[in-house]
PDB file of N, CA and C in Angstrom:
ATOM      1  N   UNK A   1     -26.959   6.761   7.604  1.00  0.00           N
ATOM      2  CA  UNK A   1     -26.744   5.475   8.248  1.00  0.00           C
ATOM      3  C   UNK A   1     -25.462   5.536   9.061  1.00  0.00           C
ATOM      4  N   UNK A   2     -25.480   4.953  10.223  1.00  0.00           N
ATOM      5  CA  UNK A   2     -24.322   4.971  11.106  1.00  0.00           C
ATOM      6  C   UNK A   2     -23.500   3.686  10.941  1.00  0.00           C
ATOM      7  N   UNK A   3     -22.234   3.869  10.864  1.00  0.00           N
ATOM      8  CA  UNK A   3     -21.312   2.732  10.753  1.00  0.00           C
ATOM      9  C   UNK A   3     -20.417   2.654  11.985  1.00  0.00           C
ATOM     10  N   UNK A   4     -20.952   3.081  13.123  1.00  0.00           N
ATOM     11  CA  UNK A   4     -20.179   3.147  14.355  1.00  0.00           C
ATOM     12  C   UNK A   4     -19.590   1.793  14.757  1.00  0.00           C
ATOM     13  N   UNK A   5     -20.361   0.732  14.615  1.00  0.00           N
ATOM     14  CA  UNK A   5     -19.856  -0.590  15.021  1.00  0.00           C
ATOM     15  C   UNK A   5     -18.650  -1.002  14.189  1.00  0.00           C
ATOM     16  N   UNK A   6     -18.700  -0.738  12.892  1.00  0.00           N
ATOM     17  CA  UNK A   6     -17.560  -1.079  12.038  1.00  0.00           C
ATOM     18  C   UNK A   6     -16.352  -0.209  12.365  1.00  0.00           C
ATOM     19  N   UNK A   7     -16.589   1.066  12.610  1.00  0.00           N
ATOM     20  CA  UNK A   7     -15.493   1.963  12.940  1.00  0.00           C
ATOM     21  C   UNK A   7     -14.833   1.538  14.252  1.00  0.00           C
ATOM     22  N   UNK A   8     -15.625   1.140  15.226  1.00  0.00           N
ATOM     23  CA  UNK A   8     -15.078   0.637  16.495  1.00  0.00           C
ATOM     24  C   UNK A   8     -14.238  -0.609  16.241  1.00  0.00           C
ATOM     25  N   UNK A   9     -14.725  -1.476  15.404  1.00  0.00           N
ATOM     26  CA  UNK A   9     -13.982  -2.700  15.075  1.00  0.00           C
ATOM     27  C   UNK A   9     -12.665  -2.366  14.362  1.00  0.00           C
ATOM     28  N   UNK A  10     -12.721  -1.439  13.412  1.00  0.00           N
ATOM     29  CA  UNK A  10     -11.503  -1.019  12.721  1.00  0.00           C
ATOM     30  C   UNK A  10     -10.502  -0.435  13.715  1.00  0.00           C
ATOM     31  N   UNK A  11     -10.979   0.423  14.594  1.00  0.00           N
ATOM     32  CA  UNK A  11     -10.091   1.064  15.573  1.00  0.00           C
ATOM     33  C   UNK A  11      -9.461   0.047  16.512  1.00  0.00           C
ATOM     34  N   UNK A  12     -10.240  -0.916  16.951  1.00  0.00           N
ATOM     35  CA  UNK A  12      -9.695  -1.967  17.823  1.00  0.00           C
ATOM     36  C   UNK A  12      -8.560  -2.712  17.103  1.00  0.00           C
ATOM     37  N   UNK A  13      -8.784  -3.039  15.838  1.00  0.00           N
ATOM     38  CA  UNK A  13      -7.765  -3.750  15.068  1.00  0.00           C
ATOM     39  C   UNK A  13      -6.509  -2.891  14.870  1.00  0.00           C
ATOM     40  N   UNK A  14      -6.700  -1.588  14.635  1.00  0.00           N
ATOM     41  CA  UNK A  14      -5.549  -0.697  14.468  1.00  0.00           C
ATOM     42  C   UNK A  14      -4.742  -0.643  15.756  1.00  0.00           C
ATOM     43  N   UNK A  15      -5.418  -0.488  16.881  1.00  0.00           N
ATOM     44  CA  UNK A  15      -4.716  -0.437  18.179  1.00  0.00           C
ATOM     45  C   UNK A  15      -3.964  -1.728  18.461  1.00  0.00           C
ATOM     46  N   UNK A  16      -4.502  -2.847  18.007  1.00  0.00           N
ATOM     47  CA  UNK A  16      -3.870  -4.154  18.225  1.00  0.00           C
ATOM     48  C   UNK A  16      -2.849  -4.491  17.130  1.00  0.00           C
ATOM     49  N   UNK A  17      -2.638  -3.539  16.202  1.00  0.00           N
ATOM     50  CA  UNK A  17      -1.699  -3.738  15.076  1.00  0.00           C
ATOM     51  C   UNK A  17      -2.119  -4.927  14.215  1.00  0.00           C
ATOM     52  N   UNK A  18      -3.426  -5.104  14.075  1.00  0.00           N
ATOM     53  CA  UNK A  18      -3.967  -6.185  13.257  1.00  0.00           C
ATOM     54  C   UNK A  18      -4.467  -5.600  11.938  1.00  0.00           C
ATOM     55  N   UNK A  19      -3.519  -5.251  11.083  1.00  0.00           N
ATOM     56  CA  UNK A  19      -3.862  -4.701   9.785  1.00  0.00           C
ATOM     57  C   UNK A  19      -2.761  -5.014   8.782  1.00  0.00           C
ATOM     58  N   UNK A  20      -3.124  -4.939   7.518  1.00  0.00           N
ATOM     59  CA  UNK A  20      -2.168  -5.120   6.427  1.00  0.00           C
ATOM     60  C   UNK A  20      -2.447  -4.077   5.355  1.00  0.00           C
ATOM     61  N   UNK A  21      -1.414  -3.766   4.582  1.00  0.00           N
ATOM     62  CA  UNK A  21      -1.542  -2.820   3.486  1.00  0.00           C
ATOM     63  C   UNK A  21      -1.421  -3.557   2.172  1.00  0.00           C
ATOM     64  N   UNK A  22      -2.278  -3.209   1.229  1.00  0.00           N
ATOM     65  CA  UNK A  22      -2.100  -3.738  -0.125  1.00  0.00           C
ATOM     66  C   UNK A  22      -0.901  -3.023  -0.741  1.00  0.00           C
ATOM     67  N   UNK A  23      -0.365  -3.602  -1.789  1.00  0.00           N
ATOM     68  CA  UNK A  23       0.732  -2.943  -2.500  1.00  0.00           C
ATOM     69  C   UNK A  23       0.282  -1.580  -3.027  1.00  0.00           C
ATOM     70  N   UNK A  24      -0.960  -1.518  -3.478  1.00  0.00           N
ATOM     71  CA  UNK A  24      -1.498  -0.254  -3.967  1.00  0.00           C
ATOM     72  C   UNK A  24      -1.497   0.792  -2.855  1.00  0.00           C
ATOM     73  N   UNK A  25      -1.943   0.420  -1.661  1.00  0.00           N
ATOM     74  CA  UNK A  25      -1.975   1.363  -0.541  1.00  0.00           C
ATOM     75  C   UNK A  25      -0.567   1.823  -0.184  1.00  0.00           C
ATOM     76  N   UNK A  26       0.399   0.909  -0.210  1.00  0.00           N
ATOM     77  CA  UNK A  26       1.787   1.281   0.074  1.00  0.00           C
ATOM     78  C   UNK A  26       2.298   2.275  -0.959  1.00  0.00           C
ATOM     79  N   UNK A  27       2.020   2.028  -2.230  1.00  0.00           N
ATOM     80  CA  UNK A  27       2.453   2.938  -3.296  1.00  0.00           C
ATOM     81  C   UNK A  27       1.823   4.319  -3.133  1.00  0.00           C
ATOM     82  N   UNK A  28       0.523   4.357  -2.883  1.00  0.00           N
ATOM     83  CA  UNK A  28      -0.177   5.628  -2.730  1.00  0.00           C
ATOM     84  C   UNK A  28       0.303   6.381  -1.492  1.00  0.00           C
ATOM     85  N   UNK A  29       0.554   5.654  -0.421  1.00  0.00           N
ATOM     86  CA  UNK A  29       1.052   6.256   0.806  1.00  0.00           C
ATOM     87  C   UNK A  29       2.394   6.943   0.534  1.00  0.00           C
ATOM     88  N   UNK A  30       3.265   6.257  -0.164  1.00  0.00           N
ATOM     89  CA  UNK A  30       4.583   6.811  -0.487  1.00  0.00           C
ATOM     90  C   UNK A  30       4.464   8.017  -1.418  1.00  0.00           C
ATOM     91  N   UNK A  31       3.629   7.907  -2.435  1.00  0.00           N
ATOM     92  CA  UNK A  31       3.455   9.004  -3.393  1.00  0.00           C
ATOM     93  C   UNK A  31       2.910  10.271  -2.730  1.00  0.00           C
ATOM     94  N   UNK A  32       2.051  10.103  -1.730  1.00  0.00           N
ATOM     95  CA  UNK A  32       1.450  11.258  -1.056  1.00  0.00           C
ATOM     96  C   UNK A  32       2.267  11.717   0.154  1.00  0.00           C
ATOM     97  N   UNK A  33       3.418  11.096   0.385  1.00  0.00           N
ATOM     98  CA  UNK A  33       4.268  11.507   1.494  1.00  0.00           C
ATOM     99  C   UNK A  33       3.687  11.184   2.859  1.00  0.00           C
ATOM    100  N   UNK A  34       2.943  10.096   2.935  1.00  0.00           N
ATOM    101  CA  UNK A  34       2.337   9.666   4.190  1.00  0.00           C
ATOM    102  C   UNK A  34       3.110   8.486   4.759  1.00  0.00           C
ATOM    103  N   UNK A  35       2.861   8.193   6.032  1.00  0.00           N
ATOM    104  CA  UNK A  35       3.461   7.007   6.644  1.00  0.00           C
ATOM    105  C   UNK A  35       2.380   6.217   7.374  1.00  0.00           C
ATOM    106  N   UNK A  36       2.764   5.089   7.912  1.00  0.00           N
ATOM    107  CA  UNK A  36       1.792   4.196   8.544  1.00  0.00           C
ATOM    108  C   UNK A  36       1.097   4.860   9.732  1.00  0.00           C
ATOM    109  N   UNK A  37       1.805   5.741  10.430  1.00  0.00           N
ATOM    110  CA  UNK A  37       1.188   6.439  11.563  1.00  0.00           C
ATOM    111  C   UNK A  37       0.071   7.368  11.096  1.00  0.00           C
ATOM    112  N   UNK A  38       0.237   7.946   9.906  1.00  0.00           N
ATOM    113  CA  UNK A  38      -0.825   8.774   9.340  1.00  0.00           C
ATOM    114  C   UNK A  38      -2.071   7.935   9.064  1.00  0.00           C
ATOM    115  N   UNK A  39      -1.881   6.752   8.487  1.00  0.00           N
ATOM    116  CA  UNK A  39      -3.017   5.881   8.192  1.00  0.00           C
ATOM    117  C   UNK A  39      -3.729   5.464   9.472  1.00  0.00           C
ATOM    118  N   UNK A  40      -2.945   5.085  10.469  1.00  0.00           N
ATOM    119  CA  UNK A  40      -3.527   4.713  11.762  1.00  0.00           C
ATOM    120  C   UNK A  40      -4.333   5.883  12.338  1.00  0.00           C
ATOM    121  N   UNK A  41      -3.759   7.081  12.278  1.00  0.00           N
ATOM    122  CA  UNK A  41      -4.395   8.263  12.857  1.00  0.00           C
ATOM    123  C   UNK A  41      -5.723   8.578  12.169  1.00  0.00           C
ATOM    124  N   UNK A  42      -5.767   8.425  10.852  1.00  0.00           N
ATOM    125  CA  UNK A  42      -7.017   8.662  10.120  1.00  0.00           C
ATOM    126  C   UNK A  42      -8.115   7.736  10.640  1.00  0.00           C
ATOM    127  N   UNK A  43      -7.802   6.470  10.816  1.00  0.00           N
ATOM    128  CA  UNK A  43      -8.810   5.516  11.295  1.00  0.00           C
ATOM    129  C   UNK A  43      -9.177   5.796  12.752  1.00  0.00           C
ATOM    130  N   UNK A  44      -8.183   6.092  13.577  1.00  0.00           N
ATOM    131  CA  UNK A  44      -8.438   6.276  15.008  1.00  0.00           C
ATOM    132  C   UNK A  44      -9.202   7.561  15.327  1.00  0.00           C
ATOM    133  N   UNK A  45      -9.122   8.561  14.455  1.00  0.00           N
ATOM    134  CA  UNK A  45      -9.772   9.839  14.757  1.00  0.00           C
ATOM    135  C   UNK A  45     -10.817  10.243  13.734  1.00  0.00           C
ATOM    136  N   UNK A  46     -10.926   9.505  12.642  1.00  0.00           N
ATOM    137  CA  UNK A  46     -11.804   9.901  11.550  1.00  0.00           C
ATOM    138  C   UNK A  46     -13.216   9.359  11.664  1.00  0.00           C
ATOM    139  N   UNK A  47     -13.961   9.563  10.584  1.00  0.00           N
ATOM    140  CA  UNK A  47     -15.340   9.095  10.503  1.00  0.00           C
ATOM    141  C   UNK A  47     -15.554   8.379   9.171  1.00  0.00           C
ATOM    142  N   UNK A  48     -16.508   7.481   9.169  1.00  0.00           N
ATOM    143  CA  UNK A  48     -16.851   6.783   7.929  1.00  0.00           C
ATOM    144  C   UNK A  48     -17.634   7.750   7.050  1.00  0.00           C
ATOM    145  N   UNK A  49     -17.106   7.988   5.870  1.00  0.00           N
ATOM    146  CA  UNK A  49     -17.737   8.883   4.912  1.00  0.00           C
ATOM    147  C   UNK A  49     -18.735   8.128   4.053  1.00  0.00           C
ATOM    148  N   UNK A  50     -18.356   6.898   3.715  1.00  0.00           N
ATOM    149  CA  UNK A  50     -19.168   6.146   2.766  1.00  0.00           C
ATOM    150  C   UNK A  50     -18.842   4.660   2.880  1.00  0.00           C
ATOM    151  N   UNK A  51     -19.841   3.855   2.579  1.00  0.00           N
ATOM    152  CA  UNK A  51     -19.646   2.407   2.462  1.00  0.00           C
ATOM    153  C   UNK A  51     -20.018   2.029   1.039  1.00  0.00           C
ATOM    154  N   UNK A  52     -19.181   1.213   0.414  1.00  0.00           N
ATOM    155  CA  UNK A  52     -19.435   0.780  -0.964  1.00  0.00           C
ATOM    156  C   UNK A  52     -19.242  -0.724  -1.068  1.00  0.00           C
ATOM    157  N   UNK A  53     -19.967  -1.313  -1.999  1.00  0.00           N
ATOM    158  CA  UNK A  53     -19.751  -2.724  -2.298  1.00  0.00           C
ATOM    159  C   UNK A  53     -18.713  -2.797  -3.414  1.00  0.00           C
ATOM    160  N   UNK A  54     -17.641  -3.531  -3.165  1.00  0.00           N
ATOM    161  CA  UNK A  54     -16.577  -3.687  -4.151  1.00  0.00           C
ATOM    162  C   UNK A  54     -17.087  -4.522  -5.318  1.00  0.00           C
ATOM    163  N   UNK A  55     -16.921  -4.008  -6.517  1.00  0.00           N
ATOM    164  CA  UNK A  55     -17.436  -4.676  -7.716  1.00  0.00           C
ATOM    165  C   UNK A  55     -16.755  -6.027  -7.935  1.00  0.00           C
ATOM    166  N   UNK A  56     -15.447  -6.075  -7.706  1.00  0.00           N
ATOM    167  CA  UNK A  56     -14.702  -7.319  -7.973  1.00  0.00           C
ATOM    168  C   UNK A  56     -14.914  -8.377  -6.906  1.00  0.00           C
ATOM    169  N   UNK A  57     -14.886  -7.963  -5.629  1.00  0.00           N
ATOM    170  CA  UNK A  57     -14.943  -8.949  -4.549  1.00  0.00           C
ATOM    171  C   UNK A  57     -16.329  -9.112  -3.938  1.00  0.00           C
ATOM    172  N   UNK A  58     -17.242  -8.173  -4.229  1.00  0.00           N
ATOM    173  CA  UNK A  58     -18.589  -8.158  -3.665  1.00  0.00           C
ATOM    174  C   UNK A  58     -18.574  -7.990  -2.140  1.00  0.00           C
ATOM    175  N   UNK A  59     -17.485  -7.429  -1.607  1.00  0.00           N
ATOM    176  CA  UNK A  59     -17.375  -7.179  -0.175  1.00  0.00           C
ATOM    177  C   UNK A  59     -17.544  -5.686   0.101  1.00  0.00           C
ATOM    178  N   UNK A  60     -17.945  -5.370   1.333  1.00  0.00           N
ATOM    179  CA  UNK A  60     -18.094  -3.973   1.722  1.00  0.00           C
ATOM    180  C   UNK A  60     -16.738  -3.368   1.993  1.00  0.00           C
ATOM    181  N   UNK A  61     -16.538  -2.146   1.507  1.00  0.00           N
ATOM    182  CA  UNK A  61     -15.342  -1.376   1.830  1.00  0.00           C
ATOM    183  C   UNK A  61     -15.800  -0.025   2.356  1.00  0.00           C
ATOM    184  N   UNK A  62     -14.983   0.566   3.201  1.00  0.00           N
ATOM    185  CA  UNK A  62     -15.354   1.773   3.916  1.00  0.00           C
ATOM    186  C   UNK A  62     -14.358   2.889   3.642  1.00  0.00           C
ATOM    187  N   UNK A  63     -14.877   4.053   3.279  1.00  0.00           N
ATOM    188  CA  UNK A  63     -14.064   5.255   3.098  1.00  0.00           C
ATOM    189  C   UNK A  63     -14.085   6.001   4.427  1.00  0.00           C
ATOM    190  N   UNK A  64     -12.909   6.196   5.003  1.00  0.00           N
ATOM    191  CA  UNK A  64     -12.795   6.887   6.286  1.00  0.00           C
ATOM    192  C   UNK A  64     -11.995   8.160   6.061  1.00  0.00           C
ATOM    193  N   UNK A  65     -12.567   9.275   6.459  1.00  0.00           N
ATOM    194  CA  UNK A  65     -11.892  10.561   6.349  1.00  0.00           C
ATOM    195  C   UNK A  65     -11.459  11.047   7.701  1.00  0.00           C
ATOM    196  N   UNK A  66     -10.260  11.622   7.749  1.00  0.00           N
ATOM    197  CA  UNK A  66      -9.751  12.136   9.015  1.00  0.00           C
ATOM    198  C   UNK A  66      -8.493  12.939   8.783  1.00  0.00           C
ATOM    199  N   UNK A  67      -7.714  13.066   9.817  1.00  0.00           N
ATOM    200  CA  UNK A  67      -6.498  13.876   9.756  1.00  0.00           C
ATOM    201  C   UNK A  67      -5.262  13.007   9.934  1.00  0.00           C
ATOM    202  N   UNK A  68      -4.197  13.436   9.278  1.00  0.00           N
ATOM    203  CA  UNK A  68      -2.897  12.795   9.469  1.00  0.00           C
ATOM    204  C   UNK A  68      -2.321  13.255  10.807  1.00  0.00           C
ATOM    205  N   UNK A  69      -1.165  12.759  11.148  1.00  0.00           N
ATOM    206  CA  UNK A  69      -0.498  13.136  12.402  1.00  0.00           C
ATOM    207  C   UNK A  69      -0.292  14.652  12.481  1.00  0.00           C
ATOM    208  N   UNK A  70       0.037  15.286  11.351  1.00  0.00           N
ATOM    209  CA  UNK A  70       0.290  16.738  11.354  1.00  0.00           C
ATOM    210  C   UNK A  70      -0.967  17.550  11.066  1.00  0.00           C
ATOM    211  N   UNK A  71      -2.114  16.894  10.933  1.00  0.00           N
ATOM    212  CA  UNK A  71      -3.375  17.592  10.771  1.00  0.00           C
ATOM    213  C   UNK A  71      -3.860  17.798   9.350  1.00  0.00           C
ATOM    214  N   UNK A  72      -3.160  17.224   8.366  1.00  0.00           N
ATOM    215  CA  UNK A  72      -3.627  17.313   6.983  1.00  0.00           C
ATOM    216  C   UNK A  72      -4.805  16.368   6.772  1.00  0.00           C
ATOM    217  N   UNK A  73      -5.733  16.757   5.905  1.00  0.00           N
ATOM    218  CA  UNK A  73      -6.879  15.902   5.598  1.00  0.00           C
ATOM    219  C   UNK A  73      -6.446  14.745   4.708  1.00  0.00           C
ATOM    220  N   UNK A  74      -6.932  13.559   5.023  1.00  0.00           N
ATOM    221  CA  UNK A  74      -6.642  12.368   4.232  1.00  0.00           C
ATOM    222  C   UNK A  74      -7.813  11.407   4.340  1.00  0.00           C
ATOM    223  N   UNK A  75      -7.859  10.477   3.408  1.00  0.00           N
ATOM    224  CA  UNK A  75      -8.865   9.418   3.442  1.00  0.00           C
ATOM    225  C   UNK A  75      -8.183   8.087   3.220  1.00  0.00           C
ATOM    226  N   UNK A  76      -8.752   7.072   3.835  1.00  0.00           N
ATOM    227  CA  UNK A  76      -8.317   5.700   3.606  1.00  0.00           C
ATOM    228  C   UNK A  76      -9.531   4.893   3.184  1.00  0.00           C
ATOM    229  N   UNK A  77      -9.283   3.860   2.432  1.00  0.00           N
ATOM    230  CA  UNK A  77     -10.333   2.911   2.078  1.00  0.00           C
ATOM    231  C   UNK A  77      -9.904   1.579   2.663  1.00  0.00           C
ATOM    232  N   UNK A  78     -10.763   1.015   3.512  1.00  0.00           N
ATOM    233  CA  UNK A  78     -10.436  -0.215   4.219  1.00  0.00           C
ATOM    234  C   UNK A  78     -11.589  -1.208   4.119  1.00  0.00           C
ATOM    235  N   UNK A  79     -11.261  -2.444   4.404  1.00  0.00           N
ATOM    236  CA  UNK A  79     -12.275  -3.483   4.580  1.00  0.00           C
ATOM    237  C   UNK A  79     -11.703  -4.516   5.536  1.00  0.00           C
ATOM    238  N   UNK A  80     -12.548  -5.392   6.004  1.00  0.00           N
ATOM    239  CA  UNK A  80     -12.066  -6.484   6.838  1.00  0.00           C
ATOM    240  C   UNK A  80     -11.584  -7.606   5.935  1.00  0.00           C
ATOM    241  N   UNK A  81     -10.392  -8.091   6.201  1.00  0.00           N
ATOM    242  CA  UNK A  81      -9.853  -9.201   5.433  1.00  0.00           C
ATOM    243  C   UNK A  81     -10.408 -10.519   5.928  1.00  0.00           C
ATOM    244  N   UNK A  82     -10.069 -11.610   5.247  1.00  0.00           N
ATOM    245  CA  UNK A  82     -10.597 -12.926   5.621  1.00  0.00           C
ATOM    246  C   UNK A  82     -10.151 -13.398   7.005  1.00  0.00           C
ATOM    247  N   UNK A  83      -9.055 -12.846   7.517  1.00  0.00           N
ATOM    248  CA  UNK A  83      -8.580 -13.233   8.850  1.00  0.00           C
ATOM    249  C   UNK A  83      -9.081 -12.287   9.935  1.00  0.00           C
ATOM    250  N   UNK A  84      -9.896 -11.296   9.542  1.00  0.00           N
ATOM    251  CA  UNK A  84     -10.409 -10.330  10.498  1.00  0.00           C
ATOM    252  C   UNK A  84      -9.531  -9.103  10.660  1.00  0.00           C
ATOM    253  N   UNK A  85      -8.401  -9.077   9.977  1.00  0.00           N
ATOM    254  CA  UNK A  85      -7.531  -7.905  10.026  1.00  0.00           C
ATOM    255  C   UNK A  85      -8.091  -6.819   9.114  1.00  0.00           C
ATOM    256  N   UNK A  86      -7.760  -5.573   9.436  1.00  0.00           N
ATOM    257  CA  UNK A  86      -8.129  -4.455   8.573  1.00  0.00           C
ATOM    258  C   UNK A  86      -7.205  -4.469   7.366  1.00  0.00           C
ATOM    259  N   UNK A  87      -7.782  -4.360   6.201  1.00  0.00           N
ATOM    260  CA  UNK A  87      -7.012  -4.321   4.962  1.00  0.00           C
ATOM    261  C   UNK A  87      -7.105  -2.913   4.399  1.00  0.00           C
ATOM    262  N   UNK A  88      -5.965  -2.219   4.340  1.00  0.00           N
ATOM    263  CA  UNK A  88      -5.916  -0.901   3.728  1.00  0.00           C
ATOM    264  C   UNK A  88      -5.847  -1.101   2.218  1.00  0.00           C
ATOM    265  N   UNK A  89      -6.874  -0.641   1.526  1.00  0.00           N
ATOM    266  CA  UNK A  89      -6.939  -0.788   0.070  1.00  0.00           C
ATOM    267  C   UNK A  89      -6.222   0.366  -0.612  1.00  0.00           C
ATOM    268  N   UNK A  90      -6.495   1.574  -0.156  1.00  0.00           N
ATOM    269  CA  UNK A  90      -5.810   2.752  -0.696  1.00  0.00           C
ATOM    270  C   UNK A  90      -5.857   3.866   0.325  1.00  0.00           C
ATOM    271  N   UNK A  91      -5.087   4.906   0.050  1.00  0.00           N
ATOM    272  CA  UNK A  91      -5.018   6.087   0.912  1.00  0.00           C
ATOM    273  C   UNK A  91      -4.691   7.278   0.025  1.00  0.00           C
ATOM    274  N   UNK A  92      -5.192   8.438   0.396  1.00  0.00           N
ATOM    275  CA  UNK A  92      -4.873   9.634  -0.360  1.00  0.00           C
ATOM    276  C   UNK A  92      -5.129  10.874   0.465  1.00  0.00           C
ATOM    277  N   UNK A  93      -4.359  11.926   0.142  1.00  0.00           N
ATOM    278  CA  UNK A  93      -4.594  13.245   0.752  1.00  0.00           C
ATOM    279  C   UNK A  93      -5.812  13.856   0.090  1.00  0.00           C
ATOM    280  N   UNK A  94      -6.533  14.658   0.840  1.00  0.00           N
ATOM    281  CA  UNK A  94      -7.724  15.313   0.300  1.00  0.00           C
ATOM    282  C   UNK A  94      -7.405  16.771   0.034  1.00  0.00           C
TER     283      UNK A  94
END
């Protein structure tokens, strides 16, 4: 299944700086030695690996795999927030 429309929407929001990080995503980003530019780069150059329904919120979340600024493999998990901004749920190096 193709998630191209969602990926385009995520990328548009990233370019417009319309995103927020959960505290969990901030903690994971710091622990893995990543920065916000790495997260942006993963979304802007990556692909949707998987879509899952969140058990707690019943909303769709998307696993996007791509490369950091320096070319390391990483994944982010995002969803659209209630205001239409991209919400980074978590991030990790692969």
